[in-house]
PDB file of N, CA and C in Angstrom:
ATOM      1  N   MET A   1      81.533  71.991 111.608  1.00  0.00           N
ATOM      2  CA  MET A   1      82.202  72.153 110.325  1.00  0.00           C
ATOM      3  C   MET A   1      83.463  71.293 110.322  1.00  0.00           C
ATOM      4  N   ASN A   2      83.600  70.454 109.332  1.00  0.00           N
ATOM      5  CA  ASN A   2      84.795  69.628 109.183  1.00  0.00           C
ATOM      6  C   ASN A   2      85.906  70.468 108.573  1.00  0.00           C
ATOM      7  N   GLN A   3      86.978  70.692 109.322  1.00  0.00           N
ATOM      8  CA  GLN A   3      88.094  71.497 108.837  1.00  0.00           C
ATOM      9  C   GLN A   3      89.293  70.611 108.513  1.00  0.00           C
ATOM     10  N   GLY A   4      89.051  69.373 108.118  1.00  0.00           N
ATOM     11  CA  GLY A   4      90.132  68.433 107.896  1.00  0.00           C
ATOM     12  C   GLY A   4      91.045  68.768 106.736  1.00  0.00           C
ATOM     13  N   ASN A   5      90.524  69.218 105.625  1.00  0.00           N
ATOM     14  CA  ASN A   5      91.325  69.486 104.442  1.00  0.00           C
ATOM     15  C   ASN A   5      91.262  70.984 104.131  1.00  0.00           C
ATOM     16  N   TYR A   6      92.283  71.718 104.569  1.00  0.00           N
ATOM     17  CA  TYR A   6      92.285  73.175 104.381  1.00  0.00           C
ATOM     18  C   TYR A   6      93.715  73.672 104.222  1.00  0.00           C
ATOM     19  N   ILE A   7      93.813  74.906 103.753  1.00  0.00           N
ATOM     20  CA  ILE A   7      95.097  75.603 103.743  1.00  0.00           C
ATOM     21  C   ILE A   7      94.920  76.946 104.429  1.00  0.00           C
ATOM     22  N   ASN A   8      95.977  77.417 105.055  1.00  0.00           N
ATOM     23  CA  ASN A   8      95.959  78.733 105.695  1.00  0.00           C
ATOM     24  C   ASN A   8      96.141  79.806 104.627  1.00  0.00           C
ATOM     25  N   ILE A   9      95.319  80.843 104.712  1.00  0.00           N
ATOM     26  CA  ILE A   9      95.411  81.962 103.778  1.00  0.00           C
ATOM     27  C   ILE A   9      96.119  83.147 104.431  1.00  0.00           C
ATOM     28  N   GLY A  10      95.789  83.443 105.674  1.00  0.00           N
ATOM     29  CA  GLY A  10      96.406  84.563 106.387  1.00  0.00           C
ATOM     30  C   GLY A  10      95.355  85.343 107.142  1.00  0.00           C
ATOM     31  N   SER A  11      95.783  86.376 107.849  1.00  0.00           N
ATOM     32  CA  SER A  11      94.841  87.172 108.646  1.00  0.00           C
ATOM     33  C   SER A  11      94.399  88.439 107.936  1.00  0.00           C
ATOM     34  N   THR A  12      95.194  88.893 106.978  1.00  0.00           N
ATOM     35  CA  THR A  12      94.875  90.076 106.178  1.00  0.00           C
ATOM     36  C   THR A  12      95.463  89.880 104.780  1.00  0.00           C
ATOM     37  N   PRO A  13      95.079  90.725 103.825  1.00  0.00           N
ATOM     38  CA  PRO A  13      95.774  90.675 102.534  1.00  0.00           C
ATOM     39  C   PRO A  13      97.274  90.875 102.746  1.00  0.00           C
ATOM     40  N   CYS A  14      98.093  90.267 101.900  1.00  0.00           N
ATOM     41  CA  CYS A  14      99.542  90.199 102.156  1.00  0.00           C
ATOM     42  C   CYS A  14     100.256  91.546 102.209  1.00  0.00           C
ATOM     43  N   GLU A  15      99.714  92.573 101.614  1.00  0.00           N
ATOM     44  CA  GLU A  15     100.367  93.886 101.637  1.00  0.00           C
ATOM     45  C   GLU A  15      99.836  94.806 102.732  1.00  0.00           C
ATOM     46  N   GLU A  16      98.936  94.296 103.554  1.00  0.00           N
ATOM     47  CA  GLU A  16      98.324  95.097 104.622  1.00  0.00           C
ATOM     48  C   GLU A  16      98.880  94.688 105.980  1.00  0.00           C
ATOM     49  N   ASP A  17      98.930  95.641 106.913  1.00  0.00           N
ATOM     50  CA  ASP A  17      99.314  95.344 108.288  1.00  0.00           C
ATOM     51  C   ASP A  17      98.196  94.577 108.971  1.00  0.00           C
ATOM     52  N   CYS A  18      98.541  93.841 110.024  1.00  0.00           N
ATOM     53  CA  CYS A  18      97.512  93.104 110.762  1.00  0.00           C
ATOM     54  C   CYS A  18      97.588  93.464 112.243  1.00  0.00           C
ATOM     55  N   ILE A  19      96.484  93.215 112.921  1.00  0.00           N
ATOM     56  CA  ILE A  19      96.417  93.408 114.362  1.00  0.00           C
ATOM     57  C   ILE A  19      97.192  92.258 115.014  1.00  0.00           C
ATOM     58  N   GLY A  20      97.967  92.557 116.041  1.00  0.00           N
ATOM     59  CA  GLY A  20      98.845  91.568 116.666  1.00  0.00           C
ATOM     60  C   GLY A  20      98.129  90.499 117.457  1.00  0.00           C
ATOM     61  N   ILE A  21      98.862  89.450 117.764  1.00  0.00           N
ATOM     62  CA  ILE A  21      98.353  88.322 118.539  1.00  0.00           C
ATOM     63  C   ILE A  21      97.823  88.807 119.880  1.00  0.00           C
ATOM     64  N   GLY A  22      96.615  88.365 120.214  1.00  0.00           N
ATOM     65  CA  GLY A  22      96.023  88.672 121.504  1.00  0.00           C
ATOM     66  C   GLY A  22      95.425  90.058 121.624  1.00  0.00           C
ATOM     67  N   GLN A  23      95.497  90.861 120.584  1.00  0.00           N
ATOM     68  CA  GLN A  23      94.945  92.205 120.654  1.00  0.00           C
ATOM     69  C   GLN A  23      93.476  92.205 120.240  1.00  0.00           C
ATOM     70  N   LEU A  24      92.725  93.125 120.846  1.00  0.00           N
ATOM     71  CA  LEU A  24      91.316  93.253 120.500  1.00  0.00           C
ATOM     72  C   LEU A  24      91.177  93.556 119.011  1.00  0.00           C
ATOM     73  N   GLY A  25      90.214  92.932 118.403  1.00  0.00           N
ATOM     74  CA  GLY A  25      89.950  93.192 116.993  1.00  0.00           C
ATOM     75  C   GLY A  25      90.582  92.194 116.048  1.00  0.00           C
ATOM     76  N   ALA A  26      91.468  91.328 116.533  1.00  0.00           N
ATOM     77  CA  ALA A  26      92.164  90.394 115.647  1.00  0.00           C
ATOM     78  C   ALA A  26      91.193  89.430 114.966  1.00  0.00           C
ATOM     79  N   ILE A  27      90.222  88.926 115.719  1.00  0.00           N
ATOM     80  CA  ILE A  27      89.249  88.003 115.124  1.00  0.00           C
ATOM     81  C   ILE A  27      88.372  88.750 114.128  1.00  0.00           C
ATOM     82  N   ALA A  28      87.912  89.931 114.510  1.00  0.00           N
ATOM     83  CA  ALA A  28      87.065  90.725 113.607  1.00  0.00           C
ATOM     84  C   ALA A  28      87.805  91.050 112.308  1.00  0.00           C
ATOM     85  N   GLU A  29      89.099  91.342 112.419  1.00  0.00           N
ATOM     86  CA  GLU A  29      89.897  91.634 111.229  1.00  0.00           C
ATOM     87  C   GLU A  29      89.925  90.430 110.289  1.00  0.00           C
ATOM     88  N   CYS A  30      90.056  89.237 110.857  1.00  0.00           N
ATOM     89  CA  CYS A  30      90.041  88.023 110.030  1.00  0.00           C
ATOM     90  C   CYS A  30      88.689  87.840 109.346  1.00  0.00           C
ATOM     91  N   HIS A  31      87.622  88.161 110.045  1.00  0.00           N
ATOM     92  CA  HIS A  31      86.295  88.037 109.431  1.00  0.00           C
ATOM     93  C   HIS A  31      86.115  89.037 108.287  1.00  0.00           C
ATOM     94  N   ILE A  32      86.710  90.209 108.416  1.00  0.00           N
ATOM     95  CA  ILE A  32      86.682  91.175 107.312  1.00  0.00           C
ATOM     96  C   ILE A  32      87.393  90.578 106.097  1.00  0.00           C
ATOM     97  N   TYR A  33      88.543  89.980 106.328  1.00  0.00           N
ATOM     98  CA  TYR A  33      89.300  89.372 105.228  1.00  0.00           C
ATOM     99  C   TYR A  33      88.531  88.193 104.634  1.00  0.00           C
ATOM    100  N   LYS A  34      87.908  87.397 105.486  1.00  0.00           N
ATOM    101  CA  LYS A  34      87.108  86.265 105.015  1.00  0.00           C
ATOM    102  C   LYS A  34      86.012  86.751 104.070  1.00  0.00           C
ATOM    103  N   ARG A  35      85.306  87.810 104.452  1.00  0.00           N
ATOM    104  CA  ARG A  35      84.241  88.335 103.587  1.00  0.00           C
ATOM    105  C   ARG A  35      84.809  88.848 102.267  1.00  0.00           C
ATOM    106  N   GLN A  36      85.993  89.475 102.311  1.00  0.00           N
ATOM    107  CA  GLN A  36      86.627  89.924 101.074  1.00  0.00           C
ATOM    108  C   GLN A  36      86.937  88.733 100.169  1.00  0.00           C
ATOM    109  N   LEU A  37      87.504  87.686 100.746  1.00  0.00           N
ATOM    110  CA  LEU A  37      87.832  86.501  99.954  1.00  0.00           C
ATOM    111  C   LEU A  37      86.577  85.866  99.358  1.00  0.00           C
ATOM    112  N   GLN A  38      85.479  85.882 100.106  1.00  0.00           N
ATOM    113  CA  GLN A  38      84.232  85.332  99.582  1.00  0.00           C
ATOM    114  C   GLN A  38      83.726  86.150  98.395  1.00  0.00           C
ATOM    115  N   ARG A  39      83.964  87.461  98.433  1.00  0.00           N
ATOM    116  CA  ARG A  39      83.586  88.301  97.282  1.00  0.00           C
ATOM    117  C   ARG A  39      84.487  88.010  96.092  1.00  0.00           C
ATOM    118  N   MET A  40      85.769  87.809  96.359  1.00  0.00           N
ATOM    119  CA  MET A  40      86.739  87.582  95.280  1.00  0.00           C
ATOM    120  C   MET A  40      86.625  86.180  94.686  1.00  0.00           C
ATOM    121  N   TYR A  41      86.330  85.201  95.518  1.00  0.00           N
ATOM    122  CA  TYR A  41      86.289  83.796  95.107  1.00  0.00           C
ATOM    123  C   TYR A  41      84.977  83.177  95.588  1.00  0.00           C
ATOM    124  N   PRO A  42      83.863  83.492  94.942  1.00  0.00           N
ATOM    125  CA  PRO A  42      82.561  83.034  95.439  1.00  0.00           C
ATOM    126  C   PRO A  42      82.411  81.510  95.484  1.00  0.00           C
ATOM    127  N   GLU A  43      83.217  80.792  94.722  1.00  0.00           N
ATOM    128  CA  GLU A  43      83.144  79.333  94.754  1.00  0.00           C
ATOM    129  C   GLU A  43      83.932  78.751  95.929  1.00  0.00           C
ATOM    130  N   GLY A  44      84.664  79.600  96.643  1.00  0.00           N
ATOM    131  CA  GLY A  44      85.470  79.146  97.773  1.00  0.00           C
ATOM    132  C   GLY A  44      84.652  78.970  99.036  1.00  0.00           C
ATOM    133  N   ASN A  45      85.251  78.306  99.997  1.00  0.00           N
ATOM    134  CA  ASN A  45      84.638  78.065 101.296  1.00  0.00           C
ATOM    135  C   ASN A  45      85.661  78.478 102.352  1.00  0.00           C
ATOM    136  N   PHE A  46      85.474  79.657 102.935  1.00  0.00           N
ATOM    137  CA  PHE A  46      86.450  80.240 103.843  1.00  0.00           C
ATOM    138  C   PHE A  46      85.908  80.273 105.267  1.00  0.00           C
ATOM    139  N   ALA A  47      86.807  80.138 106.228  1.00  0.00           N
ATOM    140  CA  ALA A  47      86.452  80.177 107.643  1.00  0.00           C
ATOM    141  C   ALA A  47      87.599  80.831 108.403  1.00  0.00           C
ATOM    142  N   VAL A  48      87.330  81.221 109.653  1.00  0.00           N
ATOM    143  CA  VAL A  48      88.359  81.763 110.541  1.00  0.00           C
ATOM    144  C   VAL A  48      88.676  80.690 111.572  1.00  0.00           C
ATOM    145  N   LYS A  49      89.971  80.445 111.773  1.00  0.00           N
ATOM    146  CA  LYS A  49      90.417  79.386 112.694  1.00  0.00           C
ATOM    147  C   LYS A  49      91.483  79.949 113.633  1.00  0.00           C
ATOM    148  N   GLY A  50      91.405  79.554 114.885  1.00  0.00           N
ATOM    149  CA  GLY A  50      92.408  79.938 115.873  1.00  0.00           C
ATOM    150  C   GLY A  50      93.510  78.899 115.974  1.00  0.00           C
ATOM    151  N   PHE A  51      94.729  79.378 116.239  1.00  0.00           N
ATOM    152  CA  PHE A  51      95.898  78.506 116.373  1.00  0.00           C
ATOM    153  C   PHE A  51      96.653  78.915 117.640  1.00  0.00           C
ATOM    154  N   PRO A  52      97.142  77.935 118.419  1.00  0.00           N
ATOM    155  CA  PRO A  52      97.881  78.271 119.643  1.00  0.00           C
ATOM    156  C   PRO A  52      99.260  78.856 119.317  1.00  0.00           C
ATOM    157  N   HIS A  53      99.691  79.758 120.184  1.00  0.00           N
ATOM    158  CA  HIS A  53     100.999  80.408 120.052  1.00  0.00           C
ATOM    159  C   HIS A  53     101.496  80.708 121.455  1.00  0.00           C
ATOM    160  N   ASP A  54     102.780  80.860 121.636  1.00  0.00           N
ATOM    161  CA  ASP A  54     103.346  81.151 122.962  1.00  0.00           C
ATOM    162  C   ASP A  54     102.747  82.411 123.587  1.00  0.00           C
ATOM    163  N   PHE A  55     102.338  83.368 122.763  1.00  0.00           N
ATOM    164  CA  PHE A  55     101.815  84.639 123.266  1.00  0.00           C
ATOM    165  C   PHE A  55     100.295  84.693 123.248  1.00  0.00           C
ATOM    166  N   GLY A  56      99.639  83.578 122.998  1.00  0.00           N
ATOM    167  CA  GLY A  56      98.181  83.523 122.957  1.00  0.00           C
ATOM    168  C   GLY A  56      97.710  82.912 121.645  1.00  0.00           C
ATOM    169  N   THR A  57      96.439  82.958 121.429  1.00  0.00           N
ATOM    170  CA  THR A  57      95.866  82.401 120.210  1.00  0.00           C
ATOM    171  C   THR A  57      95.945  83.435 119.093  1.00  0.00           C
ATOM    172  N   TYR A  58      96.355  82.984 117.915  1.00  0.00           N
ATOM    173  CA  TYR A  58      96.296  83.858 116.751  1.00  0.00           C
ATOM    174  C   TYR A  58      95.300  83.277 115.770  1.00  0.00           C
ATOM    175  N   TYR A  59      94.757  84.118 114.916  1.00  0.00           N
ATOM    176  CA  TYR A  59      93.685  83.727 114.018  1.00  0.00           C
ATOM    177  C   TYR A  59      94.090  83.965 112.578  1.00  0.00           C
ATOM    178  N   GLU A  60      93.637  83.065 111.723  1.00  0.00           N
ATOM    179  CA  GLU A  60      93.855  83.199 110.287  1.00  0.00           C
ATOM    180  C   GLU A  60      92.608  82.756 109.553  1.00  0.00           C
ATOM    181  N   VAL A  61      92.480  83.238 108.336  1.00  0.00           N
ATOM    182  CA  VAL A  61      91.453  82.724 107.444  1.00  0.00           C
ATOM    183  C   VAL A  61      92.001  81.449 106.825  1.00  0.00           C
ATOM    184  N   ILE A  62      91.166  80.435 106.798  1.00  0.00           N
ATOM    185  CA  ILE A  62      91.533  79.190 106.130  1.00  0.00           C
ATOM    186  C   ILE A  62      90.584  78.987 104.957  1.00  0.00           C
ATOM    187  N   ALA A  63      91.045  78.248 103.974  1.00  0.00           N
ATOM    188  CA  ALA A  63      90.208  77.877 102.834  1.00  0.00           C
ATOM    189  C   ALA A  63      89.979  76.368 102.902  1.00  0.00           C
ATOM    190  N   LEU A  64      88.733  75.995 103.030  1.00  0.00           N
ATOM    191  CA  LEU A  64      88.370  74.577 103.070  1.00  0.00           C
ATOM    192  C   LEU A  64      88.350  74.028 101.654  1.00  0.00           C
ATOM    193  N   MET A  65      88.763  72.781 101.519  1.00  0.00           N
ATOM    194  CA  MET A  65      88.850  72.155 100.191  1.00  0.00           C
ATOM    195  C   MET A  65      88.055  70.854 100.209  1.00  0.00           C
ATOM    196  N   GLN A  66      86.753  70.972  99.941  1.00  0.00           N
ATOM    197  CA  GLN A  66      85.876  69.811  99.995  1.00  0.00           C
ATOM    198  C   GLN A  66      85.448  69.336  98.610  1.00  0.00           C
ATOM    199  N   ASP A  67      85.765  70.104  97.568  1.00  0.00           N
ATOM    200  CA  ASP A  67      85.497  69.681  96.197  1.00  0.00           C
ATOM    201  C   ASP A  67      86.466  70.417  95.267  1.00  0.00           C
ATOM    202  N   GLU A  68      86.406  70.129  93.978  1.00  0.00           N
ATOM    203  CA  GLU A  68      87.361  70.723  93.030  1.00  0.00           C
ATOM    204  C   GLU A  68      87.263  72.246  92.956  1.00  0.00           C
ATOM    205  N   ALA A  69      86.039  72.777  92.952  1.00  0.00           N
ATOM    206  CA  ALA A  69      85.865  74.235  92.865  1.00  0.00           C
ATOM    207  C   ALA A  69      86.446  74.926  94.098  1.00  0.00           C
ATOM    208  N   GLN A  70      86.191  74.373  95.274  1.00  0.00           N
ATOM    209  CA  GLN A  70      86.735  74.955  96.501  1.00  0.00           C
ATOM    210  C   GLN A  70      88.249  74.860  96.538  1.00  0.00           C
ATOM    211  N   THR A  71      88.779  73.755  96.056  1.00  0.00           N
ATOM    212  CA  THR A  71      90.233  73.581  96.028  1.00  0.00           C
ATOM    213  C   THR A  71      90.875  74.596  95.092  1.00  0.00           C
ATOM    214  N   ALA A  72      90.293  74.789  93.911  1.00  0.00           N
ATOM    215  CA  ALA A  72      90.823  75.781  92.970  1.00  0.00           C
ATOM    216  C   ALA A  72      90.771  77.178  93.575  1.00  0.00           C
ATOM    217  N   ALA A  73      89.650  77.524  94.217  1.00  0.00           N
ATOM    218  CA  ALA A  73      89.520  78.835  94.855  1.00  0.00           C
ATOM    219  C   ALA A  73      90.530  78.992  95.987  1.00  0.00           C
ATOM    220  N   ALA A  74      90.750  77.924  96.746  1.00  0.00           N
ATOM    221  CA  ALA A  74      91.700  77.977  97.861  1.00  0.00           C
ATOM    222  C   ALA A  74      93.097  78.323  97.363  1.00  0.00           C
ATOM    223  N   TYR A  75      93.538  77.662  96.305  1.00  0.00           N
ATOM    224  CA  TYR A  75      94.888  77.920  95.805  1.00  0.00           C
ATOM    225  C   TYR A  75      94.998  79.293  95.135  1.00  0.00           C
ATOM    226  N   GLU A  76      93.928  79.752  94.520  1.00  0.00           N
ATOM    227  CA  GLU A  76      93.937  81.117  93.966  1.00  0.00           C
ATOM    228  C   GLU A  76      94.037  82.140  95.102  1.00  0.00           C
ATOM    229  N   ALA A  77      93.250  81.931  96.151  1.00  0.00           N
ATOM    230  CA  ALA A  77      93.273  82.849  97.291  1.00  0.00           C
ATOM    231  C   ALA A  77      94.629  82.825  97.983  1.00  0.00           C
ATOM    232  N   GLU A  78      95.232  81.644  98.083  1.00  0.00           N
ATOM    233  CA  GLU A  78      96.550  81.534  98.713  1.00  0.00           C
ATOM    234  C   GLU A  78      97.588  82.347  97.942  1.00  0.00           C
ATOM    235  N   GLY A  79      97.377  82.509  96.647  1.00  0.00           N
ATOM    236  CA  GLY A  79      98.281  83.295  95.809  1.00  0.00           C
ATOM    237  C   GLY A  79      98.252  84.781  96.120  1.00  0.00           C
ATOM    238  N   GLY A  80      97.313  85.211  96.943  1.00  0.00           N
ATOM    239  CA  GLY A  80      97.332  86.578  97.437  1.00  0.00           C
ATOM    240  C   GLY A  80      96.381  87.557  96.810  1.00  0.00           C
ATOM    241  N   GLY A  81      95.654  87.185  95.760  1.00  0.00           N
ATOM    242  CA  GLY A  81      94.745  88.156  95.162  1.00  0.00           C
ATOM    243  C   GLY A  81      95.495  89.402  94.762  1.00  0.00           C
ATOM    244  N   ASN A  82      94.953  90.556  95.105  1.00  0.00           N
ATOM    245  CA  ASN A  82      95.656  91.798  94.771  1.00  0.00           C
ATOM    246  C   ASN A  82      96.515  92.305  95.924  1.00  0.00           C
ATOM    247  N   GLY A  83      96.439  91.660  97.081  1.00  0.00           N
ATOM    248  CA  GLY A  83      97.301  92.012  98.202  1.00  0.00           C
ATOM    249  C   GLY A  83      96.813  93.133  99.097  1.00  0.00           C
ATOM    250  N   PHE A  84      95.689  93.751  98.737  1.00  0.00           N
ATOM    251  CA  PHE A  84      95.191  94.899  99.495  1.00  0.00           C
ATOM    252  C   PHE A  84      93.713  94.717  99.840  1.00  0.00           C
ATOM    253  N   TRP A  85      93.248  95.488 100.817  1.00  0.00           N
ATOM    254  CA  TRP A  85      91.823  95.508 101.135  1.00  0.00           C
ATOM    255  C   TRP A  85      91.056  96.026  99.921  1.00  0.00           C
ATOM    256  N   ASP A  86      89.892  95.425  99.640  1.00  0.00           N
ATOM    257  CA  ASP A  86      89.011  95.997  98.623  1.00  0.00           C
ATOM    258  C   ASP A  86      88.203  97.123  99.275  1.00  0.00           C
ATOM    259  N   ALA A  87      87.388  97.808  98.490  1.00  0.00           N
ATOM    260  CA  ALA A  87      86.671  98.993  99.000  1.00  0.00           C
ATOM    261  C   ALA A  87      85.782  98.646 100.192  1.00  0.00           C
ATOM    262  N   ALA A  88      85.023  97.561 100.096  1.00  0.00           N
ATOM    263  CA  ALA A  88      84.129  97.189 101.197  1.00  0.00           C
ATOM    264  C   ALA A  88      84.927  96.836 102.455  1.00  0.00           C
ATOM    265  N   ALA A  89      86.008  96.094 102.283  1.00  0.00           N
ATOM    266  CA  ALA A  89      86.836  95.706 103.430  1.00  0.00           C
ATOM    267  C   ALA A  89      87.516  96.928 104.044  1.00  0.00           C
ATOM    268  N   LYS A  90      87.953  97.866 103.211  1.00  0.00           N
ATOM    269  CA  LYS A  90      88.565  99.101 103.737  1.00  0.00           C
ATOM    270  C   LYS A  90      87.598  99.830 104.647  1.00  0.00           C
ATOM    271  N   THR A  91      86.341  99.911 104.224  1.00  0.00           N
ATOM    272  CA  THR A  91      85.326 100.591 105.036  1.00  0.00           C
ATOM    273  C   THR A  91      85.135  99.868 106.362  1.00  0.00           C
ATOM    274  N   GLU A  92      85.019  98.548 106.308  1.00  0.00           N
ATOM    275  CA  GLU A  92      84.861  97.761 107.536  1.00  0.00           C
ATOM    276  C   GLU A  92      86.088  97.889 108.435  1.00  0.00           C
ATOM    277  N   HIS A  93      87.268  97.824 107.841  1.00  0.00           N
ATOM    278  CA  HIS A  93      88.508  97.872 108.626  1.00  0.00           C
ATOM    279  C   HIS A  93      88.678  99.247 109.279  1.00  0.00           C
ATOM    280  N   LYS A  94      88.323 100.287 108.558  1.00  0.00           N
ATOM    281  CA  LYS A  94      88.407 101.636 109.120  1.00  0.00           C
ATOM    282  C   LYS A  94      87.478 101.748 110.330  1.00  0.00           C
ATOM    283  N   ALA A  95      86.275 101.186 110.238  1.00  0.00           N
ATOM    284  CA  ALA A  95      85.350 101.199 111.370  1.00  0.00           C
ATOM    285  C   ALA A  95      85.912 100.396 112.540  1.00  0.00           C
ATOM    286  N   LEU A  96      86.502  99.240 112.253  1.00  0.00           N
ATOM    287  CA  LEU A  96      87.111  98.426 113.303  1.00  0.00           C
ATOM    288  C   LEU A  96      88.202  99.203 114.028  1.00  0.00           C
ATOM    289  N   MET A  97      89.073  99.838 113.273  1.00  0.00           N
ATOM    290  CA  MET A  97      90.182 100.566 113.872  1.00  0.00           C
ATOM    291  C   MET A  97      89.716 101.797 114.646  1.00  0.00           C
ATOM    292  N   ALA A  98      88.534 102.298 114.309  1.00  0.00           N
ATOM    293  CA  ALA A  98      87.964 103.439 115.033  1.00  0.00           C
ATOM    294  C   ALA A  98      87.190 102.993 116.274  1.00  0.00           C
ATOM    295  N   GLY A  99      87.166 101.678 116.518  1.00  0.00           N
ATOM    296  CA  GLY A  99      86.501 101.160 117.706  1.00  0.00           C
ATOM    297  C   GLY A  99      85.026 100.913 117.540  1.00  0.00           C
ATOM    298  N   LYS A 100      84.533 100.918 116.312  1.00  0.00           N
ATOM    299  CA  LYS A 100      83.129 100.659 116.062  1.00  0.00           C
ATOM    300  C   LYS A 100      82.915  99.169 115.861  1.00  0.00           C
ATOM    301  N   ALA A 101      81.719  98.709 116.180  1.00  0.00           N
ATOM    302  CA  ALA A 101      81.387  97.280 116.034  1.00  0.00           C
ATOM    303  C   ALA A 101      81.379  96.891 114.560  1.00  0.00           C
ATOM    304  N   VAL A 102      81.988  95.777 114.262  1.00  0.00           N
ATOM    305  CA  VAL A 102      81.995  95.220 112.912  1.00  0.00           C
ATOM    306  C   VAL A 102      81.455  93.798 113.042  1.00  0.00           C
ATOM    307  N   PRO A 103      80.473  93.431 112.196  1.00  0.00           N
ATOM    308  CA  PRO A 103      79.907  92.079 112.330  1.00  0.00           C
ATOM    309  C   PRO A 103      80.910  90.983 112.056  1.00  0.00           C
TER     310      PRO A 103
END
């Protein structure tokens, strides 16, 4: 996957807490957010990317911008949406926090 033209969206919706750097579940949490963004912005192209940090690798959802529709979706998503987990993401996140496997 060419990740040359992208913007960082974040690891969770802006009003939600996130799992810390290097902690179990951080990648899964980003995938939950990615799926939420795909539901909110179906024309978008979202991925999870790792970034180096002094305390380990941290992960964020990125929005790829390979055409006009994806670029528009990327900037809408960067604006934060509603700032909270949607119903499906809440269910997935609750399972993650309870130690259950989340795809």
